[in-house]
């Protein structure tokens, strides 16, 4: 009888370990999927913002400014606080100056960090 108790304890221990392993694996997979979805959305927001920024630079129209505002707002959902600060520095700098160039480079560097490229 005592051997039976030890055997059932052993089997339940293996079962509990399997359940715990499954739960941890499931949690990590879900976290990875969310990270992947975030990364795709963030990349799309960065691409959209940069494209809209280019359009505003080429033709300073209301339509291009609205597109830029849309992508800037969308980027605020995904970007880190550092990226948002660098974006504000870019907006505050006068066009065609070294301050604008510096702010642009800093923004791109921080975006690359968020995307995992730097």
C-alpha atoms as a PDB file:
ATOM      1  CA  UNK A   1       0.000   0.000   0.000  1.00  0.00           C
ATOM      2  CA  UNK A   2       2.800   2.387   0.861  1.00  0.00           C
ATOM      3  CA  UNK A   3       4.455   1.732  -2.515  1.00  0.00           C
ATOM      4  CA  UNK A   4       1.168   2.518  -4.255  1.00  0.00           C
ATOM      5  CA  UNK A   5       0.994   5.911  -2.489  1.00  0.00           C
ATOM      6  CA  UNK A   6       4.541   6.740  -3.498  1.00  0.00           C
ATOM      7  CA  UNK A   7       3.836   5.662  -7.070  1.00  0.00           C
ATOM      8  CA  UNK A   8       0.681   7.796  -7.340  1.00  0.00           C
ATOM      9  CA  UNK A   9       2.512  10.740  -5.810  1.00  0.00           C
ATOM     10  CA  UNK A  10       5.234  10.305  -8.406  1.00  0.00           C
ATOM     11  CA  UNK A  11       2.706  10.171 -11.258  1.00  0.00           C
ATOM     12  CA  UNK A  12       0.792  13.209 -10.001  1.00  0.00           C
ATOM     13  CA  UNK A  13       4.071  15.071  -9.634  1.00  0.00           C
ATOM     14  CA  UNK A  14       4.890  14.381 -13.273  1.00  0.00           C
ATOM     15  CA  UNK A  15       1.384  15.471 -14.293  1.00  0.00           C
ATOM     16  CA  UNK A  16       1.578  18.685 -12.296  1.00  0.00           C
ATOM     17  CA  UNK A  17       4.977  19.436 -13.795  1.00  0.00           C
ATOM     18  CA  UNK A  18       3.526  18.905 -17.270  1.00  0.00           C
ATOM     19  CA  UNK A  19       0.650  21.270 -16.551  1.00  0.00           C
ATOM     20  CA  UNK A  20       2.994  23.920 -15.180  1.00  0.00           C
ATOM     21  CA  UNK A  21       5.286  23.510 -18.194  1.00  0.00           C
ATOM     22  CA  UNK A  22       2.313  23.847 -20.536  1.00  0.00           C
ATOM     23  CA  UNK A  23       1.098  26.997 -18.775  1.00  0.00           C
ATOM     24  CA  UNK A  24       4.523  28.632 -18.856  1.00  0.00           C
ATOM     25  CA  UNK A  25       4.981  27.715 -22.518  1.00  0.00           C
ATOM     26  CA  UNK A  26       1.518  29.056 -23.376  1.00  0.00           C
ATOM     27  CA  UNK A  27       2.204  32.323 -21.509  1.00  0.00           C
ATOM     28  CA  UNK A  28       5.532  32.807 -23.268  1.00  0.00           C
ATOM     29  CA  UNK A  29       3.989  32.075 -26.697  1.00  0.00           C
ATOM     30  CA  UNK A  30       1.200  34.604 -26.105  1.00  0.00           C
ATOM     31  CA  UNK A  31       3.711  37.200 -24.950  1.00  0.00           C
ATOM     32  CA  UNK A  32       5.796  36.562 -28.057  1.00  0.00           C
ATOM     33  CA  UNK A  33       2.746  36.947 -30.325  1.00  0.00           C
ATOM     34  CA  UNK A  34       1.818  40.229 -28.660  1.00  0.00           C
ATOM     35  CA  UNK A  35       5.385  41.481 -29.030  1.00  0.00           C
ATOM     36  CA  UNK A  36       5.354  40.537 -32.720  1.00  0.00           C
ATOM     37  CA  UNK A  37       2.025  42.305 -33.282  1.00  0.00           C
ATOM     38  CA  UNK A  38       3.307  45.395 -31.451  1.00  0.00           C
ATOM     39  CA  UNK A  39       6.474  45.384 -33.511  1.00  0.00           C
ATOM     40  CA  UNK A  40       4.564  45.190 -36.802  1.00  0.00           C
ATOM     41  CA  UNK A  41       2.203  48.005 -35.777  1.00  0.00           C
ATOM     42  CA  UNK A  42       5.070  50.127 -34.490  1.00  0.00           C
ATOM     43  CA  UNK A  43       7.061  49.607 -37.683  1.00  0.00           C
ATOM     44  CA  UNK A  44       4.024  50.570 -39.783  1.00  0.00           C
ATOM     45  CA  UNK A  45       3.573  53.699 -37.663  1.00  0.00           C
ATOM     46  CA  UNK A  46       7.228  54.657 -38.070  1.00  0.00           C
ATOM     47  CA  UNK A  47       7.059  54.084 -41.831  1.00  0.00           C
ATOM     48  CA  UNK A  48       3.840  56.073 -42.101  1.00  0.00           C
ATOM     49  CA  UNK A  49       5.218  58.959 -40.067  1.00  0.00           C
ATOM     50  CA  UNK A  50       8.415  59.152 -42.092  1.00  0.00           C
ATOM     51  CA  UNK A  51       6.496  59.009 -45.361  1.00  0.00           C
ATOM     52  CA  UNK A  52       4.142  61.764 -44.187  1.00  0.00           C
ATOM     53  CA  UNK A  53       7.148  63.809 -43.002  1.00  0.00           C
ATOM     54  CA  UNK A  54       8.615  63.509 -46.502  1.00  0.00           C
ATOM     55  CA  UNK A  55       5.325  64.610 -48.066  1.00  0.00           C
ATOM     56  CA  UNK A  56       5.129  67.683 -45.830  1.00  0.00           C
ATOM     57  CA  UNK A  57       8.699  68.572 -46.787  1.00  0.00           C
ATOM     58  CA  UNK A  58       7.936  68.203 -50.515  1.00  0.00           C
ATOM     59  CA  UNK A  59       4.516  69.845 -50.628  1.00  0.00           C
ATOM     60  CA  UNK A  60       3.329  71.766 -47.624  1.00  0.00           C
ATOM     61  CA  UNK A  61      -0.399  71.131 -48.157  1.00  0.00           C
ATOM     62  CA  UNK A  62      -3.253  70.667 -45.702  1.00  0.00           C
ATOM     63  CA  UNK A  63      -3.665  67.074 -46.858  1.00  0.00           C
ATOM     64  CA  UNK A  64      -0.017  66.220 -46.173  1.00  0.00           C
ATOM     65  CA  UNK A  65      -0.196  67.913 -42.752  1.00  0.00           C
ATOM     66  CA  UNK A  66      -3.314  65.911 -41.863  1.00  0.00           C
ATOM     67  CA  UNK A  67      -1.597  62.702 -42.914  1.00  0.00           C
ATOM     68  CA  UNK A  68       1.410  63.609 -40.782  1.00  0.00           C
ATOM     69  CA  UNK A  69      -0.837  64.376 -37.787  1.00  0.00           C
ATOM     70  CA  UNK A  70      -2.574  61.008 -38.189  1.00  0.00           C
ATOM     71  CA  UNK A  71       0.678  59.055 -38.201  1.00  0.00           C
ATOM     72  CA  UNK A  72       2.081  61.088 -35.332  1.00  0.00           C
ATOM     73  CA  UNK A  73      -1.005  60.276 -33.260  1.00  0.00           C
ATOM     74  CA  UNK A  74      -0.794  56.596 -34.171  1.00  0.00           C
ATOM     75  CA  UNK A  75       2.894  56.530 -33.275  1.00  0.00           C
ATOM     76  CA  UNK A  76       2.019  57.775 -29.790  1.00  0.00           C
ATOM     77  CA  UNK A  77       0.289  54.435 -29.174  1.00  0.00           C
ATOM     78  CA  UNK A  78       3.456  52.405 -29.685  1.00  0.00           C
ATOM     79  CA  UNK A  79       6.553  54.558 -29.275  1.00  0.00           C
ATOM     80  CA  UNK A  80       8.681  54.831 -26.183  1.00  0.00           C
ATOM     81  CA  UNK A  81       8.763  58.059 -24.217  1.00  0.00           C
ATOM     82  CA  UNK A  82      12.229  58.778 -25.610  1.00  0.00           C
ATOM     83  CA  UNK A  83      10.960  58.572 -29.204  1.00  0.00           C
ATOM     84  CA  UNK A  84       8.095  60.896 -28.360  1.00  0.00           C
ATOM     85  CA  UNK A  85      10.520  63.384 -26.805  1.00  0.00           C
ATOM     86  CA  UNK A  86      12.758  63.261 -29.890  1.00  0.00           C
ATOM     87  CA  UNK A  87       9.714  63.725 -32.110  1.00  0.00           C
ATOM     88  CA  UNK A  88       8.780  66.846 -30.137  1.00  0.00           C
ATOM     89  CA  UNK A  89      12.346  68.151 -30.484  1.00  0.00           C
ATOM     90  CA  UNK A  90      12.065  67.626 -34.244  1.00  0.00           C
ATOM     91  CA  UNK A  91       8.796  69.545 -34.376  1.00  0.00           C
ATOM     92  CA  UNK A  92      10.217  72.383 -32.252  1.00  0.00           C
ATOM     93  CA  UNK A  93      13.326  72.829 -34.417  1.00  0.00           C
ATOM     94  CA  UNK A  94      13.260  75.299 -37.311  1.00  0.00           C
ATOM     95  CA  UNK A  95      13.252  73.705 -40.787  1.00  0.00           C
ATOM     96  CA  UNK A  96      16.500  73.743 -42.727  1.00  0.00           C
ATOM     97  CA  UNK A  97      18.749  74.162 -39.684  1.00  0.00           C
ATOM     98  CA  UNK A  98      21.405  72.001 -38.107  1.00  0.00           C
ATOM     99  CA  UNK A  99      19.116  71.688 -35.069  1.00  0.00           C
ATOM    100  CA  UNK A 100      16.489  70.051 -37.313  1.00  0.00           C
ATOM    101  CA  UNK A 101      19.080  67.686 -38.797  1.00  0.00           C
ATOM    102  CA  UNK A 102      20.322  66.742 -35.329  1.00  0.00           C
ATOM    103  CA  UNK A 103      16.777  66.202 -34.052  1.00  0.00           C
ATOM    104  CA  UNK A 104      15.947  64.071 -37.087  1.00  0.00           C
ATOM    105  CA  UNK A 105      19.005  61.862 -36.579  1.00  0.00           C
ATOM    106  CA  UNK A 106      18.208  61.497 -32.865  1.00  0.00           C
ATOM    107  CA  UNK A 107      14.603  60.521 -33.644  1.00  0.00           C
ATOM    108  CA  UNK A 108      15.672  57.891 -36.146  1.00  0.00           C
ATOM    109  CA  UNK A 109      18.274  56.509 -33.726  1.00  0.00           C
ATOM    110  CA  UNK A 110      15.645  56.116 -30.986  1.00  0.00           C
ATOM    111  CA  UNK A 111      13.162  54.527 -33.401  1.00  0.00           C
ATOM    112  CA  UNK A 112      15.828  52.023 -34.385  1.00  0.00           C
ATOM    113  CA  UNK A 113      16.402  51.218 -30.709  1.00  0.00           C
ATOM    114  CA  UNK A 114      12.683  50.600 -30.194  1.00  0.00           C
ATOM    115  CA  UNK A 115      12.606  48.346 -33.251  1.00  0.00           C
ATOM    116  CA  UNK A 116      15.610  46.410 -31.949  1.00  0.00           C
ATOM    117  CA  UNK A 117      18.056  47.434 -34.680  1.00  0.00           C
ATOM    118  CA  UNK A 118      20.471  49.418 -32.526  1.00  0.00           C
END
